[in-house]
PDB file of N, CA and C in Angstrom:
ATOM      1  N   MET A   1      98.030  82.333  88.348  1.00  0.00           N
ATOM      2  CA  MET A   1      98.132  83.754  88.209  1.00  0.00           C
ATOM      3  C   MET A   1      98.543  84.058  86.780  1.00  0.00           C
ATOM      4  N   GLY A   2      97.897  84.995  86.137  1.00  0.00           N
ATOM      5  CA  GLY A   2      98.239  85.388  84.784  1.00  0.00           C
ATOM      6  C   GLY A   2      99.196  86.565  84.802  1.00  0.00           C
ATOM      7  N   VAL A   3      99.838  86.815  83.693  1.00  0.00           N
ATOM      8  CA  VAL A   3     100.740  87.946  83.572  1.00  0.00           C
ATOM      9  C   VAL A   3     100.217  88.832  82.456  1.00  0.00           C
ATOM     10  N   ALA A   4     100.108  90.117  82.735  1.00  0.00           N
ATOM     11  CA  ALA A   4      99.639  91.069  81.731  1.00  0.00           C
ATOM     12  C   ALA A   4     100.739  92.083  81.472  1.00  0.00           C
ATOM     13  N   THR A   5     100.751  92.657  80.292  1.00  0.00           N
ATOM     14  CA  THR A   5     101.726  93.685  79.950  1.00  0.00           C
ATOM     15  C   THR A   5     101.040  95.037  79.996  1.00  0.00           C
ATOM     16  N   SER A   6     101.648  95.966  80.691  1.00  0.00           N
ATOM     17  CA  SER A   6     101.088  97.308  80.799  1.00  0.00           C
ATOM     18  C   SER A   6     101.447  98.121  79.558  1.00  0.00           C
ATOM     19  N   PRO A   7     100.824  99.279  79.381  1.00  0.00           N
ATOM     20  CA  PRO A   7     101.118 100.097  78.212  1.00  0.00           C
ATOM     21  C   PRO A   7     102.596 100.466  78.081  1.00  0.00           C
ATOM     22  N   ASN A   8     103.312 100.552  79.190  1.00  0.00           N
ATOM     23  CA  ASN A   8     104.737 100.872  79.110  1.00  0.00           C
ATOM     24  C   ASN A   8     105.599  99.605  79.073  1.00  0.00           C
ATOM     25  N   ASN A   9     104.987  98.474  78.735  1.00  0.00           N
ATOM     26  CA  ASN A   9     105.643  97.178  78.526  1.00  0.00           C
ATOM     27  C   ASN A   9     106.277  96.583  79.768  1.00  0.00           C
ATOM     28  N   LYS A  10     105.893  97.012  80.946  1.00  0.00           N
ATOM     29  CA  LYS A  10     106.354  96.373  82.172  1.00  0.00           C
ATOM     30  C   LYS A  10     105.346  95.307  82.536  1.00  0.00           C
ATOM     31  N   GLU A  11     105.841  94.127  82.914  1.00  0.00           N
ATOM     32  CA  GLU A  11     104.925  93.049  83.289  1.00  0.00           C
ATOM     33  C   GLU A  11     104.342  93.311  84.662  1.00  0.00           C
ATOM     34  N   GLN A  12     103.069  92.969  84.798  1.00  0.00           N
ATOM     35  CA  GLN A  12     102.379  93.092  86.070  1.00  0.00           C
ATOM     36  C   GLN A  12     101.720  91.767  86.382  1.00  0.00           C
ATOM     37  N   ASN A  13     101.743  91.372  87.636  1.00  0.00           N
ATOM     38  CA  ASN A  13     101.013  90.174  88.029  1.00  0.00           C
ATOM     39  C   ASN A  13      99.538  90.519  88.115  1.00  0.00           C
ATOM     40  N   MET A  14      98.711  89.589  87.638  1.00  0.00           N
ATOM     41  CA  MET A  14      97.284  89.847  87.582  1.00  0.00           C
ATOM     42  C   MET A  14      96.538  88.562  87.929  1.00  0.00           C
ATOM     43  N   ASN A  15      95.660  88.618  88.902  1.00  0.00           N
ATOM     44  CA  ASN A  15      94.833  87.463  89.232  1.00  0.00           C
ATOM     45  C   ASN A  15      93.642  87.411  88.296  1.00  0.00           C
ATOM     46  N   TYR A  16      93.173  86.213  88.004  1.00  0.00           N
ATOM     47  CA  TYR A  16      91.975  86.060  87.199  1.00  0.00           C
ATOM     48  C   TYR A  16      91.128  84.959  87.802  1.00  0.00           C
ATOM     49  N   ALA A  17      89.835  85.066  87.591  1.00  0.00           N
ATOM     50  CA  ALA A  17      88.930  84.057  88.121  1.00  0.00           C
ATOM     51  C   ALA A  17      87.787  83.858  87.143  1.00  0.00           C
ATOM     52  N   MET A  18      87.273  82.648  87.112  1.00  0.00           N
ATOM     53  CA  MET A  18      86.143  82.325  86.261  1.00  0.00           C
ATOM     54  C   MET A  18      85.076  81.672  87.144  1.00  0.00           C
ATOM     55  N   ARG A  19      83.833  81.787  86.715  1.00  0.00           N
ATOM     56  CA  ARG A  19      82.714  81.211  87.461  1.00  0.00           C
ATOM     57  C   ARG A  19      82.561  79.734  87.075  1.00  0.00           C
ATOM     58  N   PRO A  20      82.620  78.804  88.034  1.00  0.00           N
ATOM     59  CA  PRO A  20      82.367  77.391  87.721  1.00  0.00           C
ATOM     60  C   PRO A  20      80.876  77.172  87.491  1.00  0.00           C
ATOM     61  N   LEU A  21      80.554  76.443  86.441  1.00  0.00           N
ATOM     62  CA  LEU A  21      79.152  76.158  86.136  1.00  0.00           C
ATOM     63  C   LEU A  21      78.843  74.699  86.433  1.00  0.00           C
ATOM     64  N   THR A  22      79.000  73.812  85.465  1.00  0.00           N
ATOM     65  CA  THR A  22      78.694  72.401  85.682  1.00  0.00           C
ATOM     66  C   THR A  22      79.979  71.592  85.739  1.00  0.00           C
ATOM     67  N   THR A  23      79.962  70.528  86.520  1.00  0.00           N
ATOM     68  CA  THR A  23      81.096  69.608  86.597  1.00  0.00           C
ATOM     69  C   THR A  23      80.613  68.218  86.223  1.00  0.00           C
ATOM     70  N   GLU A  24      81.379  67.560  85.372  1.00  0.00           N
ATOM     71  CA  GLU A  24      81.084  66.196  84.927  1.00  0.00           C
ATOM     72  C   GLU A  24      82.266  65.299  85.281  1.00  0.00           C
ATOM     73  N   LYS A  25      81.982  64.106  85.780  1.00  0.00           N
ATOM     74  CA  LYS A  25      83.029  63.115  86.025  1.00  0.00           C
ATOM     75  C   LYS A  25      83.050  62.156  84.839  1.00  0.00           C
ATOM     76  N   VAL A  26      84.214  62.079  84.162  1.00  0.00           N
ATOM     77  CA  VAL A  26      84.397  61.163  83.039  1.00  0.00           C
ATOM     78  C   VAL A  26      85.339  60.067  83.515  1.00  0.00           C
ATOM     79  N   THR A  27      84.908  58.814  83.438  1.00  0.00           N
ATOM     80  CA  THR A  27      85.681  57.687  83.933  1.00  0.00           C
ATOM     81  C   THR A  27      86.233  56.867  82.785  1.00  0.00           C
ATOM     82  N   SER A  28      87.539  56.598  82.851  1.00  0.00           N
ATOM     83  CA  SER A  28      88.195  55.715  81.880  1.00  0.00           C
ATOM     84  C   SER A  28      88.800  54.545  82.644  1.00  0.00           C
ATOM     85  N   SER A  29      88.602  53.354  82.120  1.00  0.00           N
ATOM     86  CA  SER A  29      89.192  52.147  82.709  1.00  0.00           C
ATOM     87  C   SER A  29      90.202  51.538  81.749  1.00  0.00           C
ATOM     88  N   GLY A  30      90.955  52.406  81.077  1.00  0.00           N
ATOM     89  CA  GLY A  30      91.989  51.932  80.170  1.00  0.00           C
ATOM     90  C   GLY A  30      91.687  52.147  78.702  1.00  0.00           C
ATOM     91  N   SER A  31      90.441  52.552  78.388  1.00  0.00           N
ATOM     92  CA  SER A  31      90.109  52.891  77.005  1.00  0.00           C
ATOM     93  C   SER A  31      89.582  54.326  76.980  1.00  0.00           C
ATOM     94  N   SER A  32      89.599  54.943  75.814  1.00  0.00           N
ATOM     95  CA  SER A  32      89.193  56.339  75.675  1.00  0.00           C
ATOM     96  C   SER A  32      87.720  56.521  76.035  1.00  0.00           C
ATOM     97  N   ALA A  33      87.441  57.536  76.847  1.00  0.00           N
ATOM     98  CA  ALA A  33      86.067  57.873  77.240  1.00  0.00           C
ATOM     99  C   ALA A  33      85.869  59.364  77.012  1.00  0.00           C
ATOM    100  N   GLN A  34      84.685  59.748  76.500  1.00  0.00           N
ATOM    101  CA  GLN A  34      84.389  61.134  76.173  1.00  0.00           C
ATOM    102  C   GLN A  34      83.463  61.789  77.190  1.00  0.00           C
ATOM    103  N   SER A  35      83.649  63.103  77.335  1.00  0.00           N
ATOM    104  CA  SER A  35      82.707  63.910  78.115  1.00  0.00           C
ATOM    105  C   SER A  35      81.483  64.202  77.260  1.00  0.00           C
ATOM    106  N   SER A  36      80.514  64.848  77.846  1.00  0.00           N
ATOM    107  CA  SER A  36      79.405  65.415  77.078  1.00  0.00           C
ATOM    108  C   SER A  36      79.943  66.613  76.306  1.00  0.00           C
ATOM    109  N   ALA A  37      79.203  67.034  75.281  1.00  0.00           N
ATOM    110  CA  ALA A  37      79.598  68.222  74.520  1.00  0.00           C
ATOM    111  C   ALA A  37      79.499  69.455  75.416  1.00  0.00           C
ATOM    112  N   PHE A  38      80.456  70.381  75.264  1.00  0.00           N
ATOM    113  CA  PHE A  38      80.435  71.615  76.046  1.00  0.00           C
ATOM    114  C   PHE A  38      79.259  72.482  75.597  1.00  0.00           C
ATOM    115  N   ASN A  39      78.633  73.132  76.555  1.00  0.00           N
ATOM    116  CA  ASN A  39      77.450  73.950  76.297  1.00  0.00           C
ATOM    117  C   ASN A  39      77.771  75.198  75.480  1.00  0.00           C
ATOM    118  N   ALA A  40      76.720  75.804  74.919  1.00  0.00           N
ATOM    119  CA  ALA A  40      76.870  77.060  74.191  1.00  0.00           C
ATOM    120  C   ALA A  40      77.471  78.116  75.118  1.00  0.00           C
ATOM    121  N   ASN A  41      78.253  78.990  74.572  1.00  0.00           N
ATOM    122  CA  ASN A  41      78.894  80.101  75.286  1.00  0.00           C
ATOM    123  C   ASN A  41      80.002  79.660  76.238  1.00  0.00           C
ATOM    124  N   ILE A  42      80.411  78.401  76.202  1.00  0.00           N
ATOM    125  CA  ILE A  42      81.529  77.946  77.029  1.00  0.00           C
ATOM    126  C   ILE A  42      82.812  78.075  76.218  1.00  0.00           C
ATOM    127  N   GLU A  43      83.775  78.823  76.763  1.00  0.00           N
ATOM    128  CA  GLU A  43      85.061  78.999  76.097  1.00  0.00           C
ATOM    129  C   GLU A  43      86.218  78.389  76.880  1.00  0.00           C
ATOM    130  N   TYR A  44      85.995  78.106  78.164  1.00  0.00           N
ATOM    131  CA  TYR A  44      87.064  77.570  79.000  1.00  0.00           C
ATOM    132  C   TYR A  44      86.534  76.433  79.866  1.00  0.00           C
ATOM    133  N   ILE A  45      87.411  75.465  80.111  1.00  0.00           N
ATOM    134  CA  ILE A  45      87.095  74.394  81.056  1.00  0.00           C
ATOM    135  C   ILE A  45      88.292  74.187  81.976  1.00  0.00           C
ATOM    136  N   ARG A  46      88.026  73.604  83.125  1.00  0.00           N
ATOM    137  CA  ARG A  46      89.088  73.185  84.043  1.00  0.00           C
ATOM    138  C   ARG A  46      88.975  71.681  84.179  1.00  0.00           C
ATOM    139  N   VAL A  47      90.106  70.980  84.130  1.00  0.00           N
ATOM    140  CA  VAL A  47      90.120  69.529  84.304  1.00  0.00           C
ATOM    141  C   VAL A  47      91.040  69.163  85.457  1.00  0.00           C
ATOM    142  N   ILE A  48      90.603  68.171  86.242  1.00  0.00           N
ATOM    143  CA  ILE A  48      91.404  67.632  87.344  1.00  0.00           C
ATOM    144  C   ILE A  48      91.277  66.116  87.304  1.00  0.00           C
ATOM    145  N   PRO A  49      92.377  65.394  87.049  1.00  0.00           N
ATOM    146  CA  PRO A  49      92.340  63.931  87.072  1.00  0.00           C
ATOM    147  C   PRO A  49      92.735  63.408  88.449  1.00  0.00           C
ATOM    148  N   ASP A  50      92.181  62.259  88.845  1.00  0.00           N
ATOM    149  CA  ASP A  50      92.592  61.665  90.114  1.00  0.00           C
ATOM    150  C   ASP A  50      93.741  60.666  89.947  1.00  0.00           C
ATOM    151  N   ALA A  51      94.212  60.500  88.701  1.00  0.00           N
ATOM    152  CA  ALA A  51      95.372  59.658  88.396  1.00  0.00           C
ATOM    153  C   ALA A  51      96.018  60.200  87.116  1.00  0.00           C
ATOM    154  N   ASP A  52      97.259  59.826  86.853  1.00  0.00           N
ATOM    155  CA  ASP A  52      97.911  60.234  85.609  1.00  0.00           C
ATOM    156  C   ASP A  52      97.065  59.778  84.424  1.00  0.00           C
ATOM    157  N   CYS A  53      96.993  60.607  83.377  1.00  0.00           N
ATOM    158  CA  CYS A  53      96.182  60.260  82.206  1.00  0.00           C
ATOM    159  C   CYS A  53      96.609  61.087  81.006  1.00  0.00           C
ATOM    160  N   HIS A  54      95.958  60.837  79.874  1.00  0.00           N
ATOM    161  CA  HIS A  54      96.148  61.613  78.652  1.00  0.00           C
ATOM    162  C   HIS A  54      94.774  62.065  78.172  1.00  0.00           C
ATOM    163  N   ILE A  55      94.715  63.280  77.589  1.00  0.00           N
ATOM    164  CA  ILE A  55      93.445  63.803  77.103  1.00  0.00           C
ATOM    165  C   ILE A  55      93.588  64.320  75.672  1.00  0.00           C
ATOM    166  N   GLU A  56      92.439  64.477  75.009  1.00  0.00           N
ATOM    167  CA  GLU A  56      92.369  65.031  73.653  1.00  0.00           C
ATOM    168  C   GLU A  56      91.048  65.768  73.511  1.00  0.00           C
ATOM    169  N   PHE A  57      91.032  66.849  72.721  1.00  0.00           N
ATOM    170  CA  PHE A  57      89.836  67.657  72.496  1.00  0.00           C
ATOM    171  C   PHE A  57      89.363  67.528  71.061  1.00  0.00           C
ATOM    172  N   GLY A  58      88.061  67.732  70.832  1.00  0.00           N
ATOM    173  CA  GLY A  58      87.496  67.744  69.493  1.00  0.00           C
ATOM    174  C   GLY A  58      86.009  67.463  69.542  1.00  0.00           C
ATOM    175  N   VAL A  59      85.391  67.412  68.366  1.00  0.00           N
ATOM    176  CA  VAL A  59      83.967  67.112  68.268  1.00  0.00           C
ATOM    177  C   VAL A  59      83.709  65.640  68.586  1.00  0.00           C
ATOM    178  N   ASN A  60      84.638  64.771  68.192  1.00  0.00           N
ATOM    179  CA  ASN A  60      84.547  63.336  68.478  1.00  0.00           C
ATOM    180  C   ASN A  60      85.959  62.823  68.796  1.00  0.00           C
ATOM    181  N   PRO A  61      86.548  63.286  69.913  1.00  0.00           N
ATOM    182  CA  PRO A  61      87.956  62.980  70.192  1.00  0.00           C
ATOM    183  C   PRO A  61      88.182  61.559  70.692  1.00  0.00           C
ATOM    184  N   THR A  62      89.374  61.061  70.427  1.00  0.00           N
ATOM    185  CA  THR A  62      89.835  59.791  70.981  1.00  0.00           C
ATOM    186  C   THR A  62      91.166  60.052  71.670  1.00  0.00           C
ATOM    187  N   ALA A  63      91.211  59.817  72.960  1.00  0.00           N
ATOM    188  CA  ALA A  63      92.450  60.004  73.715  1.00  0.00           C
ATOM    189  C   ALA A  63      93.379  58.822  73.469  1.00  0.00           C
ATOM    190  N   ALA A  64      94.675  59.105  73.461  1.00  0.00           N
ATOM    191  CA  ALA A  64      95.703  58.078  73.295  1.00  0.00           C
ATOM    192  C   ALA A  64      96.898  58.473  74.156  1.00  0.00           C
ATOM    193  N   ASN A  65      97.783  57.518  74.402  1.00  0.00           N
ATOM    194  CA  ASN A  65      98.952  57.772  75.241  1.00  0.00           C
ATOM    195  C   ASN A  65      99.948  58.742  74.619  1.00  0.00           C
ATOM    196  N   THR A  66      99.699  59.175  73.396  1.00  0.00           N
ATOM    197  CA  THR A  66     100.569  60.152  72.728  1.00  0.00           C
ATOM    198  C   THR A  66      99.993  61.561  72.787  1.00  0.00           C
ATOM    199  N   LYS A  67      98.849  61.732  73.431  1.00  0.00           N
ATOM    200  CA  LYS A  67      98.170  63.033  73.487  1.00  0.00           C
ATOM    201  C   LYS A  67      98.574  63.799  74.749  1.00  0.00           C
ATOM    202  N   ILE A  68      97.827  64.827  75.099  1.00  0.00           N
ATOM    203  CA  ILE A  68      98.167  65.716  76.213  1.00  0.00           C
ATOM    204  C   ILE A  68      98.228  64.932  77.526  1.00  0.00           C
ATOM    205  N   PHE A  69      99.354  65.029  78.229  1.00  0.00           N
ATOM    206  CA  PHE A  69      99.537  64.328  79.506  1.00  0.00           C
ATOM    207  C   PHE A  69      99.091  65.216  80.656  1.00  0.00           C
ATOM    208  N   LEU A  70      98.344  64.640  81.590  1.00  0.00           N
ATOM    209  CA  LEU A  70      97.974  65.309  82.832  1.00  0.00           C
ATOM    210  C   LEU A  70      98.454  64.469  84.002  1.00  0.00           C
ATOM    211  N   GLU A  71      99.090  65.127  84.940  1.00  0.00           N
ATOM    212  CA  GLU A  71      99.558  64.459  86.150  1.00  0.00           C
ATOM    213  C   GLU A  71      98.420  64.373  87.167  1.00  0.00           C
ATOM    214  N   ALA A  72      98.390  63.308  87.930  1.00  0.00           N
ATOM    215  CA  ALA A  72      97.350  63.101  88.942  1.00  0.00           C
ATOM    216  C   ALA A  72      97.200  64.319  89.838  1.00  0.00           C
ATOM    217  N   LYS A  73      95.956  64.683  90.080  1.00  0.00           N
ATOM    218  CA  LYS A  73      95.573  65.772  90.980  1.00  0.00           C
ATOM    219  C   LYS A  73      96.059  67.147  90.545  1.00  0.00           C
ATOM    220  N   SER A  74      96.468  67.267  89.284  1.00  0.00           N
ATOM    221  CA  SER A  74      96.827  68.584  88.751  1.00  0.00           C
ATOM    222  C   SER A  74      95.555  69.276  88.273  1.00  0.00           C
ATOM    223  N   SER A  75      95.600  70.584  88.187  1.00  0.00           N
ATOM    224  CA  SER A  75      94.467  71.369  87.707  1.00  0.00           C
ATOM    225  C   SER A  75      94.934  72.168  86.498  1.00  0.00           C
ATOM    226  N   GLU A  76      94.250  71.992  85.378  1.00  0.00           N
ATOM    227  CA  GLU A  76      94.604  72.697  84.145  1.00  0.00           C
ATOM    228  C   GLU A  76      93.354  73.335  83.558  1.00  0.00           C
ATOM    229  N   CYS A  77      93.500  74.503  82.957  1.00  0.00           N
ATOM    230  CA  CYS A  77      92.420  75.162  82.235  1.00  0.00           C
ATOM    231  C   CYS A  77      92.756  75.175  80.756  1.00  0.00           C
ATOM    232  N   PHE A  78      91.730  74.966  79.922  1.00  0.00           N
ATOM    233  CA  PHE A  78      91.902  74.926  78.478  1.00  0.00           C
ATOM    234  C   PHE A  78      90.825  75.764  77.812  1.00  0.00           C
ATOM    235  N   LYS A  79      91.184  76.404  76.704  1.00  0.00           N
ATOM    236  CA  LYS A  79      90.216  77.111  75.871  1.00  0.00           C
ATOM    237  C   LYS A  79      89.571  76.091  74.945  1.00  0.00           C
ATOM    238  N   VAL A  80      88.251  76.121  74.846  1.00  0.00           N
ATOM    239  CA  VAL A  80      87.495  75.153  74.040  1.00  0.00           C
ATOM    240  C   VAL A  80      86.426  75.889  73.246  1.00  0.00           C
ATOM    241  N   SER A  81      85.760  75.167  72.375  1.00  0.00           N
ATOM    242  CA  SER A  81      84.641  75.705  71.610  1.00  0.00           C
ATOM    243  C   SER A  81      83.362  74.961  71.995  1.00  0.00           C
ATOM    244  N   PRO A  82      82.222  75.645  71.966  1.00  0.00           N
ATOM    245  CA  PRO A  82      80.957  74.962  72.245  1.00  0.00           C
ATOM    246  C   PRO A  82      80.780  73.765  71.308  1.00  0.00           C
ATOM    247  N   GLY A  83      80.270  72.668  71.839  1.00  0.00           N
ATOM    248  CA  GLY A  83      80.054  71.464  71.034  1.00  0.00           C
ATOM    249  C   GLY A  83      81.225  70.503  71.048  1.00  0.00           C
ATOM    250  N   GLU A  84      82.401  70.984  71.437  1.00  0.00           N
ATOM    251  CA  GLU A  84      83.540  70.076  71.548  1.00  0.00           C
ATOM    252  C   GLU A  84      83.394  69.221  72.796  1.00  0.00           C
ATOM    253  N   LYS A  85      84.236  68.198  72.883  1.00  0.00           N
ATOM    254  CA  LYS A  85      84.286  67.301  74.033  1.00  0.00           C
ATOM    255  C   LYS A  85      85.751  67.109  74.412  1.00  0.00           C
ATOM    256  N   VAL A  86      85.967  66.539  75.592  1.00  0.00           N
ATOM    257  CA  VAL A  86      87.297  66.091  75.979  1.00  0.00           C
ATOM    258  C   VAL A  86      87.221  64.579  76.156  1.00  0.00           C
ATOM    259  N   ALA A  87      88.240  63.886  75.669  1.00  0.00           N
ATOM    260  CA  ALA A  87      88.343  62.432  75.862  1.00  0.00           C
ATOM    261  C   ALA A  87      89.531  62.180  76.780  1.00  0.00           C
ATOM    262  N   VAL A  88      89.441  61.124  77.577  1.00  0.00           N
ATOM    263  CA  VAL A  88      90.496  60.780  78.522  1.00  0.00           C
ATOM    264  C   VAL A  88      90.793  59.291  78.423  1.00  0.00           C
ATOM    265  N   ILE A  89      92.061  58.942  78.660  1.00  0.00           N
ATOM    266  CA  ILE A  89      92.450  57.530  78.713  1.00  0.00           C
ATOM    267  C   ILE A  89      93.376  57.322  79.900  1.00  0.00           C
ATOM    268  N   GLY A  90      93.199  56.187  80.571  1.00  0.00           N
ATOM    269  CA  GLY A  90      93.958  55.810  81.759  1.00  0.00           C
ATOM    270  C   GLY A  90      93.005  55.097  82.695  1.00  0.00           C
ATOM    271  N   SER A  91      93.473  54.777  83.866  1.00  0.00           N
ATOM    272  CA  SER A  91      92.574  54.266  84.918  1.00  0.00           C
ATOM    273  C   SER A  91      92.308  55.458  85.817  1.00  0.00           C
ATOM    274  N   VAL A  92      91.285  56.245  85.471  1.00  0.00           N
ATOM    275  CA  VAL A  92      91.171  57.586  86.024  1.00  0.00           C
ATOM    276  C   VAL A  92      89.732  58.085  86.012  1.00  0.00           C
ATOM    277  N   ASN A  93      89.447  58.964  86.955  1.00  0.00           N
ATOM    278  CA  ASN A  93      88.260  59.814  86.913  1.00  0.00           C
ATOM    279  C   ASN A  93      88.758  61.209  86.581  1.00  0.00           C
ATOM    280  N   LEU A  94      88.215  61.801  85.515  1.00  0.00           N
ATOM    281  CA  LEU A  94      88.579  63.159  85.110  1.00  0.00           C
ATOM    282  C   LEU A  94      87.389  64.062  85.424  1.00  0.00           C
ATOM    283  N   TYR A  95      87.614  65.079  86.245  1.00  0.00           N
ATOM    284  CA  TYR A  95      86.569  66.023  86.614  1.00  0.00           C
ATOM    285  C   TYR A  95      86.676  67.234  85.690  1.00  0.00           C
ATOM    286  N   VAL A  96      85.631  67.468  84.897  1.00  0.00           N
ATOM    287  CA  VAL A  96      85.603  68.512  83.873  1.00  0.00           C
ATOM    288  C   VAL A  96      84.590  69.583  84.299  1.00  0.00           C
ATOM    289  N   THR A  97      85.061  70.796  84.517  1.00  0.00           N
ATOM    290  CA  THR A  97      84.192  71.891  84.939  1.00  0.00           C
ATOM    291  C   THR A  97      84.150  72.954  83.858  1.00  0.00           C
ATOM    292  N   GLU A  98      82.934  73.272  83.392  1.00  0.00           N
ATOM    293  CA  GLU A  98      82.758  74.367  82.451  1.00  0.00           C
ATOM    294  C   GLU A  98      82.864  75.688  83.219  1.00  0.00           C
ATOM    295  N   LEU A  99      83.552  76.659  82.620  1.00  0.00           N
ATOM    296  CA  LEU A  99      83.802  77.934  83.276  1.00  0.00           C
ATOM    297  C   LEU A  99      83.202  79.078  82.456  1.00  0.00           C
ATOM    298  N   SER A 100      82.747  80.113  83.157  1.00  0.00           N
ATOM    299  CA  SER A 100      82.184  81.289  82.516  1.00  0.00           C
ATOM    300  C   SER A 100      82.783  82.536  83.172  1.00  0.00           C
ATOM    301  N   GLU A 101      82.825  83.621  82.430  1.00  0.00           N
ATOM    302  CA  GLU A 101      83.352  84.873  82.993  1.00  0.00           C
ATOM    303  C   GLU A 101      82.340  85.526  83.878  1.00  0.00           C
TER     304      GLU A 101
END
């Protein structure tokens, strides 16, 4: 659930939803593995790992144990740019879903 500020500066709870488009499974067996590049007009993705892992974003990212930590079976959304990728490291399947408004 997101929080929005009204014109009189009182916080209001606000639900938001995005349309899921494509989902890719990225598998890492202990070394960094990259997703495909995000499609044009994609600004947000959702990731769900089936085990604890670390991720990194970029045009040619390399995930390392010092990067963004994701807990197993957690769901996170990230803002991205078209052409970027996500890399993951761990013994994990990372499910990456491109989202559209």
